[in-house]
């Protein structure tokens, strides 16, 4: 049973999470209820461009115009997120899901495009959090649009206490 929805929160992979699909990932949770959870990985970029796959959206693609890998589930599905109140809410005020099935009819704010998503069945995400695989923190509207290269560290650094200290955790502690 879900006591509180995590929609609009970020999952930050803990250093102990060894799954290569989620190593040092930052995931924005878009939906979370009794049936499970859905989110997109914010800090994995592909070599594919929005212009190549969704040419009608190329002029609205957030810089640098690459598609981000939203997760290992259904990579053929495109998910769009924009800084706008129009569209389906994400749980973060001012941040909405954008329907990418048709080209936009007008100019508007930039859209970050993700291929695929991360998904959890009922109770799975809660179990992973209890097992210590994820930290849960509040998302900011600009998070999907930040530079993904060091996003894990930057988001940890803005947290209080122990989590800020973790931002200095080396990639491989054996080399420390």
C-alpha atoms as a PDB file:
ATOM      1  CA  UNK A   1       0.000   0.000   0.000  1.00  0.00           C
ATOM      2  CA  UNK A   2       1.300   3.451  -0.969  1.00  0.00           C
ATOM      3  CA  UNK A   3       1.204   5.777   2.024  1.00  0.00           C
ATOM      4  CA  UNK A   4       2.337   8.832   0.056  1.00  0.00           C
ATOM      5  CA  UNK A   5       2.795   9.217  -3.681  1.00  0.00           C
ATOM      6  CA  UNK A   6       6.357   9.881  -4.779  1.00  0.00           C
ATOM      7  CA  UNK A   7       5.229  11.600  -8.003  1.00  0.00           C
ATOM      8  CA  UNK A   8       7.299  14.749  -8.366  1.00  0.00           C
ATOM      9  CA  UNK A   9      10.172  13.378  -6.309  1.00  0.00           C
ATOM     10  CA  UNK A  10      13.628  12.364  -7.459  1.00  0.00           C
ATOM     11  CA  UNK A  11      15.173   8.993  -6.841  1.00  0.00           C
ATOM     12  CA  UNK A  12      18.916   9.268  -6.401  1.00  0.00           C
ATOM     13  CA  UNK A  13      20.757   5.960  -6.767  1.00  0.00           C
ATOM     14  CA  UNK A  14      22.768   5.165  -3.650  1.00  0.00           C
ATOM     15  CA  UNK A  15      26.426   4.186  -4.089  1.00  0.00           C
ATOM     16  CA  UNK A  16      25.507   0.575  -3.265  1.00  0.00           C
ATOM     17  CA  UNK A  17      23.129   0.245  -6.253  1.00  0.00           C
ATOM     18  CA  UNK A  18      25.244  -1.844  -8.630  1.00  0.00           C
ATOM     19  CA  UNK A  19      22.696  -2.426 -11.440  1.00  0.00           C
ATOM     20  CA  UNK A  20      24.378  -0.847 -14.509  1.00  0.00           C
ATOM     21  CA  UNK A  21      20.980   0.390 -15.743  1.00  0.00           C
ATOM     22  CA  UNK A  22      20.712   2.586 -12.661  1.00  0.00           C
ATOM     23  CA  UNK A  23      24.281   3.247 -11.455  1.00  0.00           C
ATOM     24  CA  UNK A  24      24.381   6.874 -10.239  1.00  0.00           C
ATOM     25  CA  UNK A  25      21.091   7.692 -11.883  1.00  0.00           C
ATOM     26  CA  UNK A  26      18.675  10.463 -11.076  1.00  0.00           C
ATOM     27  CA  UNK A  27      15.061   9.513 -11.800  1.00  0.00           C
ATOM     28  CA  UNK A  28      12.059  11.832 -11.823  1.00  0.00           C
ATOM     29  CA  UNK A  29       9.000   9.905 -10.634  1.00  0.00           C
ATOM     30  CA  UNK A  30       6.039  10.782 -12.868  1.00  0.00           C
ATOM     31  CA  UNK A  31       3.428   8.415 -11.437  1.00  0.00           C
ATOM     32  CA  UNK A  32       3.260   6.404  -8.223  1.00  0.00           C
ATOM     33  CA  UNK A  33       0.245   4.589  -6.841  1.00  0.00           C
ATOM     34  CA  UNK A  34      -0.883   1.152  -5.650  1.00  0.00           C
ATOM     35  CA  UNK A  35      -0.241  -0.313  -9.112  1.00  0.00           C
ATOM     36  CA  UNK A  36       3.423   0.720  -9.189  1.00  0.00           C
ATOM     37  CA  UNK A  37       5.596   3.603 -10.308  1.00  0.00           C
ATOM     38  CA  UNK A  38       6.876   5.173 -13.522  1.00  0.00           C
ATOM     39  CA  UNK A  39       9.726   7.620 -13.918  1.00  0.00           C
ATOM     40  CA  UNK A  40      12.379   8.826 -16.335  1.00  0.00           C
ATOM     41  CA  UNK A  41      16.139   8.762 -15.885  1.00  0.00           C
ATOM     42  CA  UNK A  42      17.318  12.366 -16.143  1.00  0.00           C
ATOM     43  CA  UNK A  43      21.051  11.863 -16.536  1.00  0.00           C
ATOM     44  CA  UNK A  44      21.562   9.438 -19.430  1.00  0.00           C
ATOM     45  CA  UNK A  45      21.934  10.906 -22.924  1.00  0.00           C
ATOM     46  CA  UNK A  46      21.799   8.987 -26.198  1.00  0.00           C
ATOM     47  CA  UNK A  47      23.594   9.864 -29.441  1.00  0.00           C
ATOM     48  CA  UNK A  48      20.195  10.216 -31.147  1.00  0.00           C
ATOM     49  CA  UNK A  49      18.745  13.641 -31.862  1.00  0.00           C
ATOM     50  CA  UNK A  50      15.178  14.828 -31.588  1.00  0.00           C
ATOM     51  CA  UNK A  51      15.489  16.114 -35.176  1.00  0.00           C
ATOM     52  CA  UNK A  52      16.220  12.571 -36.393  1.00  0.00           C
ATOM     53  CA  UNK A  53      13.283  10.898 -34.654  1.00  0.00           C
ATOM     54  CA  UNK A  54      10.689  13.616 -33.997  1.00  0.00           C
ATOM     55  CA  UNK A  55      11.479  16.282 -36.635  1.00  0.00           C
ATOM     56  CA  UNK A  56       8.308  18.247 -35.882  1.00  0.00           C
ATOM     57  CA  UNK A  57       9.589  18.793 -32.346  1.00  0.00           C
ATOM     58  CA  UNK A  58      13.196  19.674 -33.260  1.00  0.00           C
ATOM     59  CA  UNK A  59      12.673  23.441 -32.853  1.00  0.00           C
ATOM     60  CA  UNK A  60      11.285  22.888 -29.340  1.00  0.00           C
ATOM     61  CA  UNK A  61      13.932  20.371 -28.206  1.00  0.00           C
ATOM     62  CA  UNK A  62      15.824  21.464 -25.109  1.00  0.00           C
ATOM     63  CA  UNK A  63      19.507  22.083 -25.819  1.00  0.00           C
ATOM     64  CA  UNK A  64      21.595  20.331 -26.965  1.00  0.00           C
ATOM     65  CA  UNK A  65      18.774  18.542 -28.817  1.00  0.00           C
ATOM     66  CA  UNK A  66      19.669  14.960 -27.948  1.00  0.00           C
ATOM     67  CA  UNK A  67      17.185  12.346 -26.807  1.00  0.00           C
ATOM     68  CA  UNK A  68      17.780  11.159 -23.252  1.00  0.00           C
ATOM     69  CA  UNK A  69      17.467   7.512 -22.266  1.00  0.00           C
ATOM     70  CA  UNK A  70      14.505   7.563 -19.881  1.00  0.00           C
ATOM     71  CA  UNK A  71      14.971   3.964 -18.807  1.00  0.00           C
ATOM     72  CA  UNK A  72      15.077   0.360 -19.948  1.00  0.00           C
ATOM     73  CA  UNK A  73      11.304  -0.123 -20.330  1.00  0.00           C
ATOM     74  CA  UNK A  74       9.778   0.409 -23.802  1.00  0.00           C
ATOM     75  CA  UNK A  75      12.662   2.400 -25.330  1.00  0.00           C
ATOM     76  CA  UNK A  76      10.538   2.996 -28.435  1.00  0.00           C
ATOM     77  CA  UNK A  77       8.161   5.185 -26.366  1.00  0.00           C
ATOM     78  CA  UNK A  78       8.954   8.920 -26.354  1.00  0.00           C
ATOM     79  CA  UNK A  79       8.225  10.936 -23.219  1.00  0.00           C
ATOM     80  CA  UNK A  80       8.335  14.745 -23.302  1.00  0.00           C
ATOM     81  CA  UNK A  81       8.724  17.057 -20.314  1.00  0.00           C
ATOM     82  CA  UNK A  82       8.418  20.831 -20.456  1.00  0.00           C
ATOM     83  CA  UNK A  83       8.482  23.857 -18.164  1.00  0.00           C
ATOM     84  CA  UNK A  84       4.832  24.679 -18.652  1.00  0.00           C
ATOM     85  CA  UNK A  85       1.565  24.412 -16.795  1.00  0.00           C
ATOM     86  CA  UNK A  86      -0.067  23.022 -19.964  1.00  0.00           C
ATOM     87  CA  UNK A  87      -0.139  19.254 -20.225  1.00  0.00           C
ATOM     88  CA  UNK A  88      -0.313  16.406 -17.738  1.00  0.00           C
ATOM     89  CA  UNK A  89       1.112  17.321 -14.324  1.00  0.00           C
ATOM     90  CA  UNK A  90       4.296  15.624 -13.130  1.00  0.00           C
ATOM     91  CA  UNK A  91       3.956  16.389  -9.433  1.00  0.00           C
ATOM     92  CA  UNK A  92       6.449  19.256  -9.778  1.00  0.00           C
ATOM     93  CA  UNK A  93       4.729  22.666 -10.032  1.00  0.00           C
ATOM     94  CA  UNK A  94       5.337  24.200 -13.466  1.00  0.00           C
ATOM     95  CA  UNK A  95       6.588  20.951 -15.003  1.00  0.00           C
ATOM     96  CA  UNK A  96       4.325  18.957 -17.315  1.00  0.00           C
ATOM     97  CA  UNK A  97       4.303  15.932 -19.576  1.00  0.00           C
ATOM     98  CA  UNK A  98       3.927  16.855 -23.235  1.00  0.00           C
ATOM     99  CA  UNK A  99       2.051  14.782 -25.807  1.00  0.00           C
ATOM    100  CA  UNK A 100       4.602  14.136 -28.565  1.00  0.00           C
ATOM    101  CA  UNK A 101       2.260  12.129 -30.801  1.00  0.00           C
ATOM    102  CA  UNK A 102       1.590  15.171 -33.008  1.00  0.00           C
ATOM    103  CA  UNK A 103       3.913  18.074 -33.883  1.00  0.00           C
ATOM    104  CA  UNK A 104       3.256  21.231 -31.847  1.00  0.00           C
ATOM    105  CA  UNK A 105       0.799  23.694 -33.355  1.00  0.00           C
ATOM    106  CA  UNK A 106       2.596  26.712 -31.896  1.00  0.00           C
ATOM    107  CA  UNK A 107       5.873  27.782 -30.379  1.00  0.00           C
ATOM    108  CA  UNK A 108       6.313  27.216 -26.691  1.00  0.00           C
ATOM    109  CA  UNK A 109       8.818  26.285 -24.042  1.00  0.00           C
ATOM    110  CA  UNK A 110      11.582  23.773 -24.642  1.00  0.00           C
ATOM    111  CA  UNK A 111      10.820  20.078 -24.321  1.00  0.00           C
ATOM    112  CA  UNK A 112      13.237  17.442 -23.023  1.00  0.00           C
ATOM    113  CA  UNK A 113      12.612  14.167 -24.863  1.00  0.00           C
ATOM    114  CA  UNK A 114      13.251  10.754 -23.288  1.00  0.00           C
ATOM    115  CA  UNK A 115      13.145   7.335 -24.926  1.00  0.00           C
ATOM    116  CA  UNK A 116      11.684   4.729 -22.622  1.00  0.00           C
ATOM    117  CA  UNK A 117      11.113   4.896 -18.910  1.00  0.00           C
ATOM    118  CA  UNK A 118      11.833   3.172 -15.627  1.00  0.00           C
ATOM    119  CA  UNK A 119       8.974   1.158 -14.156  1.00  0.00           C
ATOM    120  CA  UNK A 120       8.232  -0.686 -10.940  1.00  0.00           C
ATOM    121  CA  UNK A 121       5.409  -3.090 -10.130  1.00  0.00           C
ATOM    122  CA  UNK A 122       3.234  -2.725  -7.050  1.00  0.00           C
ATOM    123  CA  UNK A 123       5.414  -2.518  -3.942  1.00  0.00           C
ATOM    124  CA  UNK A 124       8.681  -2.978  -5.855  1.00  0.00           C
ATOM    125  CA  UNK A 125       9.907   0.609  -5.554  1.00  0.00           C
ATOM    126  CA  UNK A 126       9.002   0.765  -1.865  1.00  0.00           C
ATOM    127  CA  UNK A 127      11.002  -2.439  -1.280  1.00  0.00           C
ATOM    128  CA  UNK A 128      14.016  -1.010  -3.145  1.00  0.00           C
ATOM    129  CA  UNK A 129      13.873   2.173  -1.055  1.00  0.00           C
ATOM    130  CA  UNK A 130      13.680   0.152   2.172  1.00  0.00           C
ATOM    131  CA  UNK A 131      16.636  -1.954   0.975  1.00  0.00           C
ATOM    132  CA  UNK A 132      18.709   1.228   0.656  1.00  0.00           C
ATOM    133  CA  UNK A 133      18.934   1.407  -3.145  1.00  0.00           C
ATOM    134  CA  UNK A 134      17.452   4.900  -3.486  1.00  0.00           C
ATOM    135  CA  UNK A 135      17.423   8.257  -1.734  1.00  0.00           C
ATOM    136  CA  UNK A 136      14.185  10.200  -2.220  1.00  0.00           C
ATOM    137  CA  UNK A 137      14.448  13.991  -2.541  1.00  0.00           C
ATOM    138  CA  UNK A 138      12.259  16.819  -3.818  1.00  0.00           C
ATOM    139  CA  UNK A 139      12.560  17.632  -7.521  1.00  0.00           C
ATOM    140  CA  UNK A 140      13.007  21.158  -8.827  1.00  0.00           C
ATOM    141  CA  UNK A 141      11.423  22.280 -12.125  1.00  0.00           C
ATOM    142  CA  UNK A 142      14.845  22.792 -13.716  1.00  0.00           C
ATOM    143  CA  UNK A 143      16.106  19.275 -12.924  1.00  0.00           C
ATOM    144  CA  UNK A 144      15.099  17.664 -16.258  1.00  0.00           C
ATOM    145  CA  UNK A 145      16.913  20.453 -18.106  1.00  0.00           C
ATOM    146  CA  UNK A 146      20.228  20.444 -16.238  1.00  0.00           C
ATOM    147  CA  UNK A 147      23.523  19.205 -17.636  1.00  0.00           C
ATOM    148  CA  UNK A 148      23.314  15.425 -17.167  1.00  0.00           C
ATOM    149  CA  UNK A 149      27.064  14.795 -16.960  1.00  0.00           C
ATOM    150  CA  UNK A 150      27.374  15.560 -13.234  1.00  0.00           C
ATOM    151  CA  UNK A 151      23.716  15.683 -12.225  1.00  0.00           C
ATOM    152  CA  UNK A 152      23.974  12.919  -9.604  1.00  0.00           C
ATOM    153  CA  UNK A 153      26.610  14.908  -7.691  1.00  0.00           C
ATOM    154  CA  UNK A 154      24.930  18.297  -8.164  1.00  0.00           C
ATOM    155  CA  UNK A 155      21.567  17.145  -6.831  1.00  0.00           C
ATOM    156  CA  UNK A 156      23.178  15.397  -3.862  1.00  0.00           C
ATOM    157  CA  UNK A 157      25.254  18.523  -3.154  1.00  0.00           C
ATOM    158  CA  UNK A 158      22.128  20.666  -2.752  1.00  0.00           C
ATOM    159  CA  UNK A 159      20.707  18.301  -0.099  1.00  0.00           C
ATOM    160  CA  UNK A 160      21.350  18.801   3.620  1.00  0.00           C
ATOM    161  CA  UNK A 161      23.826  16.857   5.746  1.00  0.00           C
ATOM    162  CA  UNK A 162      24.947  13.352   4.830  1.00  0.00           C
ATOM    163  CA  UNK A 163      23.566  13.447   1.281  1.00  0.00           C
ATOM    164  CA  UNK A 164      25.627  16.537   0.442  1.00  0.00           C
ATOM    165  CA  UNK A 165      28.703  14.722   1.728  1.00  0.00           C
ATOM    166  CA  UNK A 166      27.919  11.770  -0.567  1.00  0.00           C
ATOM    167  CA  UNK A 167      28.334  14.060  -3.569  1.00  0.00           C
ATOM    168  CA  UNK A 168      32.087  13.676  -2.998  1.00  0.00           C
ATOM    169  CA  UNK A 169      31.904   9.854  -3.025  1.00  0.00           C
ATOM    170  CA  UNK A 170      34.439   8.520  -5.577  1.00  0.00           C
ATOM    171  CA  UNK A 171      33.254   6.574  -8.609  1.00  0.00           C
ATOM    172  CA  UNK A 172      35.224   3.537  -7.437  1.00  0.00           C
ATOM    173  CA  UNK A 173      36.057   3.460  -3.709  1.00  0.00           C
ATOM    174  CA  UNK A 174      38.627   0.723  -4.330  1.00  0.00           C
ATOM    175  CA  UNK A 175      40.777   3.327  -6.077  1.00  0.00           C
ATOM    176  CA  UNK A 176      40.546   5.734  -3.150  1.00  0.00           C
END
